[in-house]
Amino acid sequence: MVNFREYVTASGLKVFGGRDAENNDKLVGEAGSKDVLLHTSAPGSPFVNVGESPSKNDLKEAAVFCAKYSQDWRDGKRDVVVNKFLRSDMDKSPKMKAGTWSVKKQEKIKVKKSDIFAFEKLIA
């Protein structure tokens, strides 16, 4: 059994995040082709699976969850850019190291540091 990070949004949607590079690969590998995934634009974050057709609020909460566990947040305590994409837009060649994937199409979500600080208080 793989031990992903879990978070339940205010609407009750359960989202999952990877804990390290190998765990991220497992999470992406188990995702359905229409699942929405998140990852920071900078390296060193969990992939987060939000499932198919998440609401705008669920997507925002999941983006904050993704940003909170990123190296970008850990090292800078600043706003974090999170990329949103479908599993079907991802690919991995055998030469890519663990946790590394290529993405064809993505949208950017800017997560404000105030939202991450609020999330940290919520989960404390």
C-alpha atoms as a PDB file:
ATOM      1  CA  MET A   1       0.000   0.000   0.000  1.00  0.00           C
ATOM      2  CA  VAL A   2       1.404   3.360  -1.046  1.00  0.00           C
ATOM      3  CA  ASN A   3       1.349   6.052   1.603  1.00  0.00           C
ATOM      4  CA  PHE A   4       0.377   9.300  -0.134  1.00  0.00           C
ATOM      5  CA  ARG A   5      -0.248  12.569   1.670  1.00  0.00           C
ATOM      6  CA  GLU A   6      -3.986  13.168   1.921  1.00  0.00           C
ATOM      7  CA  TYR A   7      -6.063  16.298   2.305  1.00  0.00           C
ATOM      8  CA  VAL A   8      -9.835  16.709   2.383  1.00  0.00           C
ATOM      9  CA  THR A   9     -11.126  19.990   0.967  1.00  0.00           C
ATOM     10  CA  ALA A  10     -13.937  22.005   2.545  1.00  0.00           C
ATOM     11  CA  SER A  11     -16.400  20.350   0.126  1.00  0.00           C
ATOM     12  CA  GLY A  12     -15.252  16.876   1.205  1.00  0.00           C
ATOM     13  CA  LEU A  13     -13.096  16.043  -1.843  1.00  0.00           C
ATOM     14  CA  LYS A  14     -10.129  13.852  -0.923  1.00  0.00           C
ATOM     15  CA  VAL A  15      -6.924  14.792  -2.777  1.00  0.00           C
ATOM     16  CA  PHE A  16      -3.630  12.919  -2.722  1.00  0.00           C
ATOM     17  CA  GLY A  17      -0.039  14.151  -2.894  1.00  0.00           C
ATOM     18  CA  GLY A  18       3.269  12.386  -3.346  1.00  0.00           C
ATOM     19  CA  ARG A  19       5.876  12.336  -0.567  1.00  0.00           C
ATOM     20  CA  ASP A  20       9.062  11.962  -2.649  1.00  0.00           C
ATOM     21  CA  ALA A  21      10.169  11.328  -6.246  1.00  0.00           C
ATOM     22  CA  GLU A  22       9.311   7.612  -6.280  1.00  0.00           C
ATOM     23  CA  ASN A  23       5.994   8.243  -4.520  1.00  0.00           C
ATOM     24  CA  ASN A  24       5.202  10.957  -7.093  1.00  0.00           C
ATOM     25  CA  ASP A  25       5.835   8.455  -9.904  1.00  0.00           C
ATOM     26  CA  LYS A  26       3.442   5.998  -8.258  1.00  0.00           C
ATOM     27  CA  LEU A  27       0.765   8.675  -7.810  1.00  0.00           C
ATOM     28  CA  VAL A  28       1.000   9.780 -11.452  1.00  0.00           C
ATOM     29  CA  GLY A  29       1.085   6.174 -12.646  1.00  0.00           C
ATOM     30  CA  GLU A  30      -2.143   5.387 -10.784  1.00  0.00           C
ATOM     31  CA  ALA A  31      -3.952   8.512 -12.053  1.00  0.00           C
ATOM     32  CA  GLY A  32      -6.719   8.210 -14.620  1.00  0.00           C
ATOM     33  CA  SER A  33      -6.184   9.902 -17.995  1.00  0.00           C
ATOM     34  CA  LYS A  34      -8.783  12.602 -17.188  1.00  0.00           C
ATOM     35  CA  ASP A  35      -7.506  13.275 -13.656  1.00  0.00           C
ATOM     36  CA  VAL A  36      -6.330  16.814 -12.938  1.00  0.00           C
ATOM     37  CA  LEU A  37      -2.820  16.910 -11.478  1.00  0.00           C
ATOM     38  CA  LEU A  38      -0.862  19.746  -9.896  1.00  0.00           C
ATOM     39  CA  HIS A  39       2.858  20.435  -9.425  1.00  0.00           C
ATOM     40  CA  THR A  40       4.786  23.615  -8.754  1.00  0.00           C
ATOM     41  CA  SER A  41       6.465  25.263 -11.732  1.00  0.00           C
ATOM     42  CA  ALA A  42       9.752  24.882  -9.828  1.00  0.00           C
ATOM     43  CA  PRO A  43      11.171  21.396  -9.181  1.00  0.00           C
ATOM     44  CA  GLY A  44      10.710  19.760  -5.809  1.00  0.00           C
ATOM     45  CA  SER A  45       7.042  19.471  -4.996  1.00  0.00           C
ATOM     46  CA  PRO A  46       4.504  16.736  -4.663  1.00  0.00           C
ATOM     47  CA  PHE A  47       2.345  15.836  -7.607  1.00  0.00           C
ATOM     48  CA  VAL A  48      -1.211  16.267  -6.353  1.00  0.00           C
ATOM     49  CA  ASN A  49      -4.142  14.337  -7.835  1.00  0.00           C
ATOM     50  CA  VAL A  50      -7.423  16.280  -7.668  1.00  0.00           C
ATOM     51  CA  GLY A  51      -9.459  13.736  -9.636  1.00  0.00           C
ATOM     52  CA  GLU A  52     -11.727  14.521 -12.580  1.00  0.00           C
ATOM     53  CA  SER A  53     -13.536  17.880 -12.855  1.00  0.00           C
ATOM     54  CA  PRO A  54     -12.723  19.457  -9.468  1.00  0.00           C
ATOM     55  CA  SER A  55     -14.590  22.626  -8.522  1.00  0.00           C
ATOM     56  CA  LYS A  56     -12.764  25.944  -8.628  1.00  0.00           C
ATOM     57  CA  ASN A  57     -12.610  26.026  -4.811  1.00  0.00           C
ATOM     58  CA  ASP A  58     -11.336  22.441  -4.578  1.00  0.00           C
ATOM     59  CA  LEU A  59      -8.677  23.263  -7.167  1.00  0.00           C
ATOM     60  CA  LYS A  60      -7.556  26.324  -5.197  1.00  0.00           C
ATOM     61  CA  GLU A  61      -7.341  24.353  -1.936  1.00  0.00           C
ATOM     62  CA  ALA A  62      -5.403  21.559  -3.648  1.00  0.00           C
ATOM     63  CA  ALA A  63      -2.999  24.112  -5.168  1.00  0.00           C
ATOM     64  CA  VAL A  64      -2.322  25.519  -1.686  1.00  0.00           C
ATOM     65  CA  PHE A  65      -1.753  21.940  -0.428  1.00  0.00           C
ATOM     66  CA  CYS A  66       0.709  21.359  -3.304  1.00  0.00           C
ATOM     67  CA  ALA A  67       2.540  24.639  -2.662  1.00  0.00           C
ATOM     68  CA  LYS A  68       2.795  24.068   1.103  1.00  0.00           C
ATOM     69  CA  TYR A  69       4.800  20.856   0.651  1.00  0.00           C
ATOM     70  CA  SER A  70       7.104  22.277  -2.050  1.00  0.00           C
ATOM     71  CA  GLN A  71      10.782  23.177  -1.838  1.00  0.00           C
ATOM     72  CA  ASP A  72       9.873  26.556  -3.330  1.00  0.00           C
ATOM     73  CA  TRP A  73       7.759  27.316  -0.239  1.00  0.00           C
ATOM     74  CA  ARG A  74      10.187  25.714   2.205  1.00  0.00           C
ATOM     75  CA  ASP A  75      13.126  27.722   0.873  1.00  0.00           C
ATOM     76  CA  GLY A  76      11.455  31.049   0.071  1.00  0.00           C
ATOM     77  CA  LYS A  77       8.197  31.546   2.029  1.00  0.00           C
ATOM     78  CA  ARG A  78       6.829  33.473  -0.967  1.00  0.00           C
ATOM     79  CA  ASP A  79       4.000  33.161  -3.482  1.00  0.00           C
ATOM     80  CA  VAL A  80       4.264  29.857  -5.374  1.00  0.00           C
ATOM     81  CA  VAL A  81       3.237  29.130  -8.967  1.00  0.00           C
ATOM     82  CA  VAL A  82       1.478  25.779  -9.344  1.00  0.00           C
ATOM     83  CA  ASN A  83       0.865  24.151 -12.726  1.00  0.00           C
ATOM     84  CA  LYS A  84      -2.421  22.383 -13.492  1.00  0.00           C
ATOM     85  CA  PHE A  85      -2.620  19.696 -16.191  1.00  0.00           C
ATOM     86  CA  LEU A  86      -4.352  16.475 -17.154  1.00  0.00           C
ATOM     87  CA  ARG A  87      -2.713  13.078 -16.726  1.00  0.00           C
ATOM     88  CA  SER A  88      -3.255  12.500 -20.451  1.00  0.00           C
ATOM     89  CA  ASP A  89      -0.930  15.465 -21.160  1.00  0.00           C
ATOM     90  CA  MET A  90       1.968  13.853 -19.268  1.00  0.00           C
ATOM     91  CA  ASP A  91       4.689  11.513 -20.470  1.00  0.00           C
ATOM     92  CA  LYS A  92       7.772   9.871 -19.007  1.00  0.00           C
ATOM     93  CA  SER A  93      10.663   8.450 -20.992  1.00  0.00           C
ATOM     94  CA  PRO A  94      12.794   5.653 -19.518  1.00  0.00           C
ATOM     95  CA  LYS A  95      15.756   8.055 -19.291  1.00  0.00           C
ATOM     96  CA  MET A  96      13.959  10.497 -16.980  1.00  0.00           C
ATOM     97  CA  LYS A  97      14.898  10.293 -13.325  1.00  0.00           C
ATOM     98  CA  ALA A  98      12.365   9.418 -10.643  1.00  0.00           C
ATOM     99  CA  GLY A  99       9.737  12.098 -10.126  1.00  0.00           C
ATOM    100  CA  THR A 100      10.404  13.787 -13.483  1.00  0.00           C
ATOM    101  CA  TRP A 101       7.680  13.973 -16.139  1.00  0.00           C
ATOM    102  CA  SER A 102       7.160  16.027 -19.277  1.00  0.00           C
ATOM    103  CA  VAL A 103       3.894  17.935 -19.664  1.00  0.00           C
ATOM    104  CA  LYS A 104       2.386  19.048 -22.988  1.00  0.00           C
ATOM    105  CA  LYS A 105      -0.271  21.555 -21.840  1.00  0.00           C
ATOM    106  CA  GLN A 106      -0.615  23.304 -18.512  1.00  0.00           C
ATOM    107  CA  GLU A 107      -2.260  26.258 -16.817  1.00  0.00           C
ATOM    108  CA  LYS A 108      -0.675  28.315 -14.058  1.00  0.00           C
ATOM    109  CA  ILE A 109      -2.237  28.994 -10.661  1.00  0.00           C
ATOM    110  CA  LYS A 110      -0.595  31.593  -8.415  1.00  0.00           C
ATOM    111  CA  VAL A 111      -0.822  30.606  -4.755  1.00  0.00           C
ATOM    112  CA  LYS A 112      -0.421  33.534  -2.376  1.00  0.00           C
ATOM    113  CA  LYS A 113       1.810  33.146   0.642  1.00  0.00           C
ATOM    114  CA  SER A 114      -1.022  34.378   2.889  1.00  0.00           C
ATOM    115  CA  ASP A 115      -3.120  31.387   1.742  1.00  0.00           C
ATOM    116  CA  ILE A 116      -0.264  28.983   2.516  1.00  0.00           C
ATOM    117  CA  PHE A 117       0.238  30.501   5.990  1.00  0.00           C
ATOM    118  CA  ALA A 118      -3.523  30.147   6.630  1.00  0.00           C
ATOM    119  CA  PHE A 119      -3.397  26.509   5.458  1.00  0.00           C
ATOM    120  CA  GLU A 120      -0.473  25.782   7.801  1.00  0.00           C
ATOM    121  CA  LYS A 121      -2.528  27.083  10.748  1.00  0.00           C
ATOM    122  CA  LEU A 122      -5.509  25.002   9.636  1.00  0.00           C
ATOM    123  CA  ILE A 123      -3.560  21.730   9.600  1.00  0.00           C
ATOM    124  CA  ALA A 124      -1.479  22.439  12.724  1.00  0.00           C
END
